[in-house]
């Protein structure tokens, strides 16, 4: 992963973007990283801080609502 992160996403210039997630993370943190990278894939123009905070907030809400990976 880039700069010690747990995930990354191809940039907007790549036609069929690939999202990569560290297979060692689990639980709410995994959900947060997936959401973070999905957000980048959807809108590369948002600031890293905005994407980071949004992923944390949405992951926390979904986790408290009972989201779990099967």
C-alpha atoms as a PDB file:
ATOM      1  CA  UNK A   1       0.000   0.000   0.000  1.00  0.00           C
ATOM      2  CA  UNK A   2       1.051   3.586  -0.497  1.00  0.00           C
ATOM      3  CA  UNK A   3       2.733   5.439   2.402  1.00  0.00           C
ATOM      4  CA  UNK A   4       1.863   2.770   4.967  1.00  0.00           C
ATOM      5  CA  UNK A   5      -1.873   3.092   4.347  1.00  0.00           C
ATOM      6  CA  UNK A   6      -4.220   0.124   4.472  1.00  0.00           C
ATOM      7  CA  UNK A   7      -5.700   0.746   1.039  1.00  0.00           C
ATOM      8  CA  UNK A   8      -5.323   2.590  -2.213  1.00  0.00           C
ATOM      9  CA  UNK A   9      -7.214   3.321  -5.402  1.00  0.00           C
ATOM     10  CA  UNK A  10      -6.125   3.967  -8.965  1.00  0.00           C
ATOM     11  CA  UNK A  11      -6.312   7.595 -10.034  1.00  0.00           C
ATOM     12  CA  UNK A  12      -8.947   9.191 -12.252  1.00  0.00           C
ATOM     13  CA  UNK A  13      -6.875   8.663 -15.404  1.00  0.00           C
ATOM     14  CA  UNK A  14      -7.278   4.862 -15.117  1.00  0.00           C
ATOM     15  CA  UNK A  15     -10.395   3.679 -17.009  1.00  0.00           C
ATOM     16  CA  UNK A  16     -11.140   0.608 -14.875  1.00  0.00           C
ATOM     17  CA  UNK A  17      -9.994   1.610 -11.420  1.00  0.00           C
ATOM     18  CA  UNK A  18      -8.794  -1.006  -8.978  1.00  0.00           C
ATOM     19  CA  UNK A  19      -9.174  -0.632  -5.241  1.00  0.00           C
ATOM     20  CA  UNK A  20      -6.680  -2.527  -3.090  1.00  0.00           C
ATOM     21  CA  UNK A  21      -7.339  -3.225   0.614  1.00  0.00           C
ATOM     22  CA  UNK A  22      -4.817  -4.677   3.060  1.00  0.00           C
ATOM     23  CA  UNK A  23      -5.972  -8.228   3.825  1.00  0.00           C
ATOM     24  CA  UNK A  24      -4.608  -7.967   7.376  1.00  0.00           C
ATOM     25  CA  UNK A  25      -7.199  -5.468   8.611  1.00  0.00           C
ATOM     26  CA  UNK A  26     -10.639  -6.509   9.797  1.00  0.00           C
ATOM     27  CA  UNK A  27     -13.756  -5.236  11.466  1.00  0.00           C
ATOM     28  CA  UNK A  28     -14.697  -1.584  11.600  1.00  0.00           C
ATOM     29  CA  UNK A  29     -11.256  -0.501  10.385  1.00  0.00           C
ATOM     30  CA  UNK A  30     -11.637  -2.631   7.243  1.00  0.00           C
ATOM     31  CA  UNK A  31     -15.039  -1.080   6.604  1.00  0.00           C
ATOM     32  CA  UNK A  32     -13.557   2.394   7.058  1.00  0.00           C
ATOM     33  CA  UNK A  33     -10.746   1.725   4.567  1.00  0.00           C
ATOM     34  CA  UNK A  34     -13.173   0.263   1.998  1.00  0.00           C
ATOM     35  CA  UNK A  35     -15.412   3.324   2.292  1.00  0.00           C
ATOM     36  CA  UNK A  36     -12.397   5.633   2.072  1.00  0.00           C
ATOM     37  CA  UNK A  37     -11.170   4.078  -1.158  1.00  0.00           C
ATOM     38  CA  UNK A  38     -14.671   3.898  -2.657  1.00  0.00           C
ATOM     39  CA  UNK A  39     -15.022   7.634  -1.999  1.00  0.00           C
ATOM     40  CA  UNK A  40     -11.751   8.329  -3.809  1.00  0.00           C
ATOM     41  CA  UNK A  41     -12.890   6.210  -6.755  1.00  0.00           C
ATOM     42  CA  UNK A  42     -16.182   8.112  -6.928  1.00  0.00           C
ATOM     43  CA  UNK A  43     -14.743  11.630  -6.593  1.00  0.00           C
ATOM     44  CA  UNK A  44     -10.983  12.054  -6.782  1.00  0.00           C
ATOM     45  CA  UNK A  45     -11.334  15.817  -6.254  1.00  0.00           C
ATOM     46  CA  UNK A  46     -12.222  15.736  -2.558  1.00  0.00           C
ATOM     47  CA  UNK A  47      -9.465  16.513  -0.066  1.00  0.00           C
ATOM     48  CA  UNK A  48      -7.838  13.643   1.789  1.00  0.00           C
ATOM     49  CA  UNK A  49      -9.034  15.053   5.116  1.00  0.00           C
ATOM     50  CA  UNK A  50     -12.637  15.217   3.888  1.00  0.00           C
ATOM     51  CA  UNK A  51     -12.521  11.645   2.553  1.00  0.00           C
ATOM     52  CA  UNK A  52     -10.831  10.401   5.738  1.00  0.00           C
ATOM     53  CA  UNK A  53     -13.386  11.959   8.069  1.00  0.00           C
ATOM     54  CA  UNK A  54     -16.348  10.893   5.944  1.00  0.00           C
ATOM     55  CA  UNK A  55     -15.111   7.272   5.896  1.00  0.00           C
ATOM     56  CA  UNK A  56     -14.626   7.279   9.678  1.00  0.00           C
ATOM     57  CA  UNK A  57     -18.089   8.712  10.303  1.00  0.00           C
ATOM     58  CA  UNK A  58     -19.956   6.423   7.888  1.00  0.00           C
ATOM     59  CA  UNK A  59     -18.060   3.326   9.084  1.00  0.00           C
ATOM     60  CA  UNK A  60     -18.906   4.156  12.704  1.00  0.00           C
ATOM     61  CA  UNK A  61     -22.605   4.560  11.884  1.00  0.00           C
ATOM     62  CA  UNK A  62     -22.811   1.365   9.812  1.00  0.00           C
ATOM     63  CA  UNK A  63     -20.892  -0.596  12.459  1.00  0.00           C
ATOM     64  CA  UNK A  64     -23.245   0.575  15.204  1.00  0.00           C
ATOM     65  CA  UNK A  65     -26.210  -0.397  13.011  1.00  0.00           C
ATOM     66  CA  UNK A  66     -24.832  -3.930  12.866  1.00  0.00           C
ATOM     67  CA  UNK A  67     -22.942  -4.109   9.569  1.00  0.00           C
ATOM     68  CA  UNK A  68     -20.578  -7.075   9.574  1.00  0.00           C
ATOM     69  CA  UNK A  69     -18.707  -8.740   6.732  1.00  0.00           C
ATOM     70  CA  UNK A  70     -19.778 -12.323   6.061  1.00  0.00           C
END
